[in-house]
PDB file of N, CA and C in Angstrom:
ATOM      1  N   MET A   1       0.839  -1.170   0.000  1.00  0.00           N
ATOM      2  CA  MET A   1       0.000   0.000   0.000  1.00  0.00           C
ATOM      3  C   MET A   1       0.892   1.243   0.000  1.00  0.00           C
ATOM      4  N   ASN A   2       0.643   2.116  -0.928  1.00  0.00           N
ATOM      5  CA  ASN A   2       1.468   3.309  -1.089  1.00  0.00           C
ATOM      6  C   ASN A   2       0.776   4.503  -0.437  1.00  0.00           C
ATOM      7  N   THR A   3       1.246   4.873   0.725  1.00  0.00           N
ATOM      8  CA  THR A   3       0.677   6.037   1.406  1.00  0.00           C
ATOM      9  C   THR A   3       1.729   7.138   1.462  1.00  0.00           C
ATOM     10  N   GLN A   4       1.265   8.369   1.326  1.00  0.00           N
ATOM     11  CA  GLN A   4       2.178   9.490   1.399  1.00  0.00           C
ATOM     12  C   GLN A   4       1.857  10.319   2.637  1.00  0.00           C
ATOM     13  N   LYS A   5       2.916  10.778   3.278  1.00  0.00           N
ATOM     14  CA  LYS A   5       2.749  11.615   4.448  1.00  0.00           C
ATOM     15  C   LYS A   5       2.689  13.074   4.023  1.00  0.00           C
ATOM     16  N   ILE A   6       1.920  13.850   4.745  1.00  0.00           N
ATOM     17  CA  ILE A   6       1.849  15.276   4.476  1.00  0.00           C
ATOM     18  C   ILE A   6       3.069  15.939   5.101  1.00  0.00           C
ATOM     19  N   SER A   7       3.785  16.672   4.309  1.00  0.00           N
ATOM     20  CA  SER A   7       4.984  17.351   4.779  1.00  0.00           C
ATOM     21  C   SER A   7       4.583  18.569   5.615  1.00  0.00           C
ATOM     22  N   LEU A   8       5.150  18.675   6.789  1.00  0.00           N
ATOM     23  CA  LEU A   8       4.876  19.819   7.651  1.00  0.00           C
ATOM     24  C   LEU A   8       5.377  21.111   7.009  1.00  0.00           C
ATOM     25  N   THR A   9       6.483  21.044   6.298  1.00  0.00           N
ATOM     26  CA  THR A   9       7.036  22.225   5.641  1.00  0.00           C
ATOM     27  C   THR A   9       6.112  22.694   4.522  1.00  0.00           C
ATOM     28  N   ALA A  10       5.551  21.779   3.760  1.00  0.00           N
ATOM     29  CA  ALA A  10       4.623  22.166   2.704  1.00  0.00           C
ATOM     30  C   ALA A  10       3.346  22.754   3.295  1.00  0.00           C
ATOM     31  N   LEU A  11       2.883  22.199   4.385  1.00  0.00           N
ATOM     32  CA  LEU A  11       1.706  22.740   5.061  1.00  0.00           C
ATOM     33  C   LEU A  11       1.978  24.146   5.575  1.00  0.00           C
ATOM     34  N   LEU A  12       3.162  24.366   6.103  1.00  0.00           N
ATOM     35  CA  LEU A  12       3.549  25.706   6.553  1.00  0.00           C
ATOM     36  C   LEU A  12       3.617  26.683   5.383  1.00  0.00           C
ATOM     37  N   PHE A  13       4.156  26.241   4.258  1.00  0.00           N
ATOM     38  CA  PHE A  13       4.233  27.097   3.080  1.00  0.00           C
ATOM     39  C   PHE A  13       2.846  27.554   2.648  1.00  0.00           C
ATOM     40  N   TRP A  14       1.902  26.627   2.555  1.00  0.00           N
ATOM     41  CA  TRP A  14       0.564  26.987   2.106  1.00  0.00           C
ATOM     42  C   TRP A  14      -0.178  27.836   3.129  1.00  0.00           C
ATOM     43  N   SER A  15       0.097  27.640   4.412  1.00  0.00           N
ATOM     44  CA  SER A  15      -0.542  28.497   5.413  1.00  0.00           C
ATOM     45  C   SER A  15       0.022  29.918   5.356  1.00  0.00           C
ATOM     46  N   PHE A  16       1.327  30.061   5.100  1.00  0.00           N
ATOM     47  CA  PHE A  16       1.897  31.393   4.920  1.00  0.00           C
ATOM     48  C   PHE A  16       1.364  32.050   3.645  1.00  0.00           C
ATOM     49  N   ALA A  17       1.164  31.271   2.602  1.00  0.00           N
ATOM     50  CA  ALA A  17       0.608  31.818   1.366  1.00  0.00           C
ATOM     51  C   ALA A  17      -0.823  32.306   1.582  1.00  0.00           C
ATOM     52  N   ALA A  18      -1.610  31.549   2.333  1.00  0.00           N
ATOM     53  CA  ALA A  18      -2.979  31.982   2.637  1.00  0.00           C
ATOM     54  C   ALA A  18      -2.973  33.231   3.514  1.00  0.00           C
ATOM     55  N   THR A  19      -2.036  33.303   4.451  1.00  0.00           N
ATOM     56  CA  THR A  19      -1.908  34.487   5.296  1.00  0.00           C
ATOM     57  C   THR A  19      -1.535  35.704   4.461  1.00  0.00           C
ATOM     58  N   LEU A  20      -0.646  35.527   3.501  1.00  0.00           N
ATOM     59  CA  LEU A  20      -0.252  36.626   2.634  1.00  0.00           C
ATOM     60  C   LEU A  20      -1.433  37.121   1.814  1.00  0.00           C
ATOM     61  N   LEU A  21      -2.221  36.210   1.270  1.00  0.00           N
ATOM     62  CA  LEU A  21      -3.389  36.617   0.492  1.00  0.00           C
ATOM     63  C   LEU A  21      -4.417  37.331   1.368  1.00  0.00           C
ATOM     64  N   GLY A  22      -4.603  36.860   2.586  1.00  0.00           N
ATOM     65  CA  GLY A  22      -5.512  37.529   3.507  1.00  0.00           C
ATOM     66  C   GLY A  22      -5.041  38.916   3.889  1.00  0.00           C
ATOM     67  N   ALA A  23      -3.747  39.064   4.086  1.00  0.00           N
ATOM     68  CA  ALA A  23      -3.192  40.376   4.426  1.00  0.00           C
ATOM     69  C   ALA A  23      -3.311  41.346   3.249  1.00  0.00           C
ATOM     70  N   ILE A  24      -3.110  40.850   2.048  1.00  0.00           N
ATOM     71  CA  ILE A  24      -3.258  41.711   0.871  1.00  0.00           C
ATOM     72  C   ILE A  24      -4.696  42.178   0.736  1.00  0.00           C
ATOM     73  N   SER A  25      -5.638  41.267   0.905  1.00  0.00           N
ATOM     74  CA  SER A  25      -7.041  41.672   0.786  1.00  0.00           C
ATOM     75  C   SER A  25      -7.452  42.617   1.915  1.00  0.00           C
ATOM     76  N   THR A  26      -6.883  42.443   3.095  1.00  0.00           N
ATOM     77  CA  THR A  26      -7.163  43.369   4.191  1.00  0.00           C
ATOM     78  C   THR A  26      -6.631  44.759   3.872  1.00  0.00           C
ATOM     79  N   ALA A  27      -5.439  44.829   3.305  1.00  0.00           N
ATOM     80  CA  ALA A  27      -4.859  46.134   2.963  1.00  0.00           C
ATOM     81  C   ALA A  27      -5.649  46.821   1.859  1.00  0.00           C
ATOM     82  N   VAL A  28      -6.164  46.050   0.916  1.00  0.00           N
ATOM     83  CA  VAL A  28      -6.896  46.641  -0.199  1.00  0.00           C
ATOM     84  C   VAL A  28      -8.258  47.169   0.257  1.00  0.00           C
ATOM     85  N   PHE A  29      -8.950  46.408   1.093  1.00  0.00           N
ATOM     86  CA  PHE A  29     -10.318  46.759   1.437  1.00  0.00           C
ATOM     87  C   PHE A  29     -10.480  47.460   2.776  1.00  0.00           C
ATOM     88  N   SER A  30      -9.410  47.722   3.502  1.00  0.00           N
ATOM     89  CA  SER A  30      -9.542  48.352   4.811  1.00  0.00           C
ATOM     90  C   SER A  30      -9.753  49.852   4.666  1.00  0.00           C
ATOM     91  N   GLU A  31     -10.363  50.424   5.688  1.00  0.00           N
ATOM     92  CA  GLU A  31     -10.644  51.856   5.658  1.00  0.00           C
ATOM     93  C   GLU A  31      -9.953  52.612   6.779  1.00  0.00           C
ATOM     94  N   THR A  32      -9.230  51.915   7.644  1.00  0.00           N
ATOM     95  CA  THR A  32      -8.569  52.594   8.756  1.00  0.00           C
ATOM     96  C   THR A  32      -7.061  52.375   8.672  1.00  0.00           C
ATOM     97  N   ALA A  33      -6.337  53.263   9.289  1.00  0.00           N
ATOM     98  CA  ALA A  33      -4.876  53.168   9.288  1.00  0.00           C
ATOM     99  C   ALA A  33      -4.395  51.980  10.108  1.00  0.00           C
ATOM    100  N   PHE A  34      -5.126  51.655  11.191  1.00  0.00           N
ATOM    101  CA  PHE A  34      -4.729  50.511  12.018  1.00  0.00           C
ATOM    102  C   PHE A  34      -4.773  49.222  11.210  1.00  0.00           C
ATOM    103  N   ASN A  35      -5.829  49.028  10.448  1.00  0.00           N
ATOM    104  CA  ASN A  35      -5.937  47.809   9.635  1.00  0.00           C
ATOM    105  C   ASN A  35      -4.867  47.772   8.551  1.00  0.00           C
ATOM    106  N   ASP A  36      -4.552  48.924   7.982  1.00  0.00           N
ATOM    107  CA  ASP A  36      -3.487  48.968   6.975  1.00  0.00           C
ATOM    108  C   ASP A  36      -2.139  48.579   7.582  1.00  0.00           C
ATOM    109  N   ASN A  37      -1.818  49.148   8.717  1.00  0.00           N
ATOM    110  CA  ASN A  37      -0.542  48.831   9.372  1.00  0.00           C
ATOM    111  C   ASN A  37      -0.471  47.370   9.779  1.00  0.00           C
ATOM    112  N   PHE A  38      -1.572  46.827  10.284  1.00  0.00           N
ATOM    113  CA  PHE A  38      -1.610  45.413  10.656  1.00  0.00           C
ATOM    114  C   PHE A  38      -1.417  44.536   9.426  1.00  0.00           C
ATOM    115  N   ALA A  39      -2.066  44.890   8.326  1.00  0.00           N
ATOM    116  CA  ALA A  39      -1.943  44.103   7.094  1.00  0.00           C
ATOM    117  C   ALA A  39      -0.518  44.141   6.561  1.00  0.00           C
ATOM    118  N   PHE A  40       0.124  45.317   6.602  1.00  0.00           N
ATOM    119  CA  PHE A  40       1.497  45.411   6.126  1.00  0.00           C
ATOM    120  C   PHE A  40       2.445  44.597   7.006  1.00  0.00           C
ATOM    121  N   SER A  41       2.188  44.589   8.302  1.00  0.00           N
ATOM    122  CA  SER A  41       3.006  43.773   9.211  1.00  0.00           C
ATOM    123  C   SER A  41       2.832  42.287   8.914  1.00  0.00           C
ATOM    124  N   MET A  42       1.607  41.872   8.670  1.00  0.00           N
ATOM    125  CA  MET A  42       1.349  40.466   8.344  1.00  0.00           C
ATOM    126  C   MET A  42       1.969  40.086   7.007  1.00  0.00           C
ATOM    127  N   MET A  43       2.001  41.025   6.061  1.00  0.00           N
ATOM    128  CA  MET A  43       2.637  40.748   4.772  1.00  0.00           C
ATOM    129  C   MET A  43       4.131  40.496   4.945  1.00  0.00           C
ATOM    130  N   VAL A  44       4.771  41.289   5.774  1.00  0.00           N
ATOM    131  CA  VAL A  44       6.209  41.114   6.009  1.00  0.00           C
ATOM    132  C   VAL A  44       6.476  39.760   6.658  1.00  0.00           C
ATOM    133  N   LEU A  45       5.691  39.419   7.671  1.00  0.00           N
ATOM    134  CA  LEU A  45       5.882  38.130   8.345  1.00  0.00           C
ATOM    135  C   LEU A  45       5.576  36.960   7.416  1.00  0.00           C
ATOM    136  N   ALA A  46       4.526  37.087   6.614  1.00  0.00           N
ATOM    137  CA  ALA A  46       4.175  36.012   5.693  1.00  0.00           C
ATOM    138  C   ALA A  46       5.241  35.829   4.617  1.00  0.00           C
ATOM    139  N   CYS A  47       5.785  36.930   4.108  1.00  0.00           N
ATOM    140  CA  CYS A  47       6.854  36.827   3.100  1.00  0.00           C
ATOM    141  C   CYS A  47       8.095  36.159   3.689  1.00  0.00           C
ATOM    142  N   ALA A  48       8.440  36.525   4.909  1.00  0.00           N
ATOM    143  CA  ALA A  48       9.590  35.890   5.562  1.00  0.00           C
ATOM    144  C   ALA A  48       9.323  34.396   5.766  1.00  0.00           C
ATOM    145  N   GLY A  49       8.127  34.051   6.172  1.00  0.00           N
ATOM    146  CA  GLY A  49       7.775  32.642   6.349  1.00  0.00           C
ATOM    147  C   GLY A  49       7.794  31.867   5.052  1.00  0.00           C
ATOM    148  N   ILE A  50       7.340  32.489   3.970  1.00  0.00           N
ATOM    149  CA  ILE A  50       7.359  31.821   2.669  1.00  0.00           C
ATOM    150  C   ILE A  50       8.798  31.572   2.222  1.00  0.00           C
ATOM    151  N   VAL A  51       9.656  32.554   2.416  1.00  0.00           N
ATOM    152  CA  VAL A  51      11.065  32.387   2.016  1.00  0.00           C
ATOM    153  C   VAL A  51      11.716  31.260   2.819  1.00  0.00           C
ATOM    154  N   ILE A  52      11.488  31.239   4.116  1.00  0.00           N
ATOM    155  CA  ILE A  52      12.105  30.204   4.967  1.00  0.00           C
ATOM    156  C   ILE A  52      11.541  28.828   4.645  1.00  0.00           C
ATOM    157  N   SER A  53      10.224  28.723   4.482  1.00  0.00           N
ATOM    158  CA  SER A  53       9.646  27.408   4.193  1.00  0.00           C
ATOM    159  C   SER A  53      10.031  26.923   2.806  1.00  0.00           C
ATOM    160  N   THR A  54      10.199  27.834   1.843  1.00  0.00           N
ATOM    161  CA  THR A  54      10.675  27.435   0.519  1.00  0.00           C
ATOM    162  C   THR A  54      12.103  26.911   0.592  1.00  0.00           C
ATOM    163  N   ALA A  55      12.929  27.580   1.383  1.00  0.00           N
ATOM    164  CA  ALA A  55      14.308  27.109   1.550  1.00  0.00           C
ATOM    165  C   ALA A  55      14.335  25.718   2.182  1.00  0.00           C
ATOM    166  N   LEU A  56      13.484  25.493   3.166  1.00  0.00           N
ATOM    167  CA  LEU A  56      13.423  24.167   3.796  1.00  0.00           C
ATOM    168  C   LEU A  56      12.903  23.102   2.836  1.00  0.00           C
ATOM    169  N   LEU A  57      11.934  23.469   1.987  1.00  0.00           N
ATOM    170  CA  LEU A  57      11.451  22.528   0.977  1.00  0.00           C
ATOM    171  C   LEU A  57      12.553  22.173  -0.017  1.00  0.00           C
ATOM    172  N   MET A  58      13.366  23.154  -0.387  1.00  0.00           N
ATOM    173  CA  MET A  58      14.474  22.877  -1.300  1.00  0.00           C
ATOM    174  C   MET A  58      15.519  21.979  -0.655  1.00  0.00           C
ATOM    175  N   VAL A  59      15.802  22.195   0.614  1.00  0.00           N
ATOM    176  CA  VAL A  59      16.756  21.334   1.328  1.00  0.00           C
ATOM    177  C   VAL A  59      16.216  19.911   1.403  1.00  0.00           C
ATOM    178  N   ASP A  60      14.917  19.763   1.681  1.00  0.00           N
ATOM    179  CA  ASP A  60      14.307  18.429   1.720  1.00  0.00           C
ATOM    180  C   ASP A  60      14.391  17.742   0.368  1.00  0.00           C
ATOM    181  N   ALA A  61      14.190  18.499  -0.713  1.00  0.00           N
ATOM    182  CA  ALA A  61      14.267  17.922  -2.052  1.00  0.00           C
ATOM    183  C   ALA A  61      15.691  17.476  -2.380  1.00  0.00           C
ATOM    184  N   VAL A  62      16.663  18.284  -2.024  1.00  0.00           N
ATOM    185  CA  VAL A  62      18.059  17.914  -2.277  1.00  0.00           C
ATOM    186  C   VAL A  62      18.435  16.681  -1.467  1.00  0.00           C
ATOM    187  N   LEU A  63      18.019  16.627  -0.225  1.00  0.00           N
ATOM    188  CA  LEU A  63      18.315  15.461   0.608  1.00  0.00           C
ATOM    189  C   LEU A  63      17.629  14.208   0.097  1.00  0.00           C
ATOM    190  N   ALA A  64      16.419  14.357  -0.444  1.00  0.00           N
ATOM    191  CA  ALA A  64      15.713  13.196  -1.007  1.00  0.00           C
ATOM    192  C   ALA A  64      16.429  12.659  -2.244  1.00  0.00           C
ATOM    193  N   VAL A  65      17.026  13.551  -3.028  1.00  0.00           N
ATOM    194  CA  VAL A  65      17.749  13.119  -4.230  1.00  0.00           C
ATOM    195  C   VAL A  65      19.094  12.522  -3.856  1.00  0.00           C
ATOM    196  N   CYS A  66      19.780  13.151  -2.934  1.00  0.00           N
ATOM    197  CA  CYS A  66      21.134  12.704  -2.598  1.00  0.00           C
ATOM    198  C   CYS A  66      21.177  11.490  -1.669  1.00  0.00           C
ATOM    199  N   ASN A  67      20.139  11.291  -0.883  1.00  0.00           N
ATOM    200  CA  ASN A  67      20.096  10.156   0.047  1.00  0.00           C
ATOM    201  C   ASN A  67      18.861   9.309  -0.237  1.00  0.00           C
ATOM    202  N   PRO A  68      18.944   8.457  -1.242  1.00  0.00           N
ATOM    203  CA  PRO A  68      17.749   7.649  -1.608  1.00  0.00           C
ATOM    204  C   PRO A  68      17.410   6.597  -0.603  1.00  0.00           C
TER     205      PRO A  68
END
């Protein structure tokens, strides 16, 4: 039976991507400065998370190729 495990790093990547999309929509549709500042802060954190999780996914891919 061929079962695949869900990668925690991939799950983190998609959650950061969803957070980034939510922050963008908050910044576009917000009417107060507080919501704008909060959205911009979330965008920065989400971008940093996406970069880190992408790097970890690349390391996992290299390790999977090099250590069969």
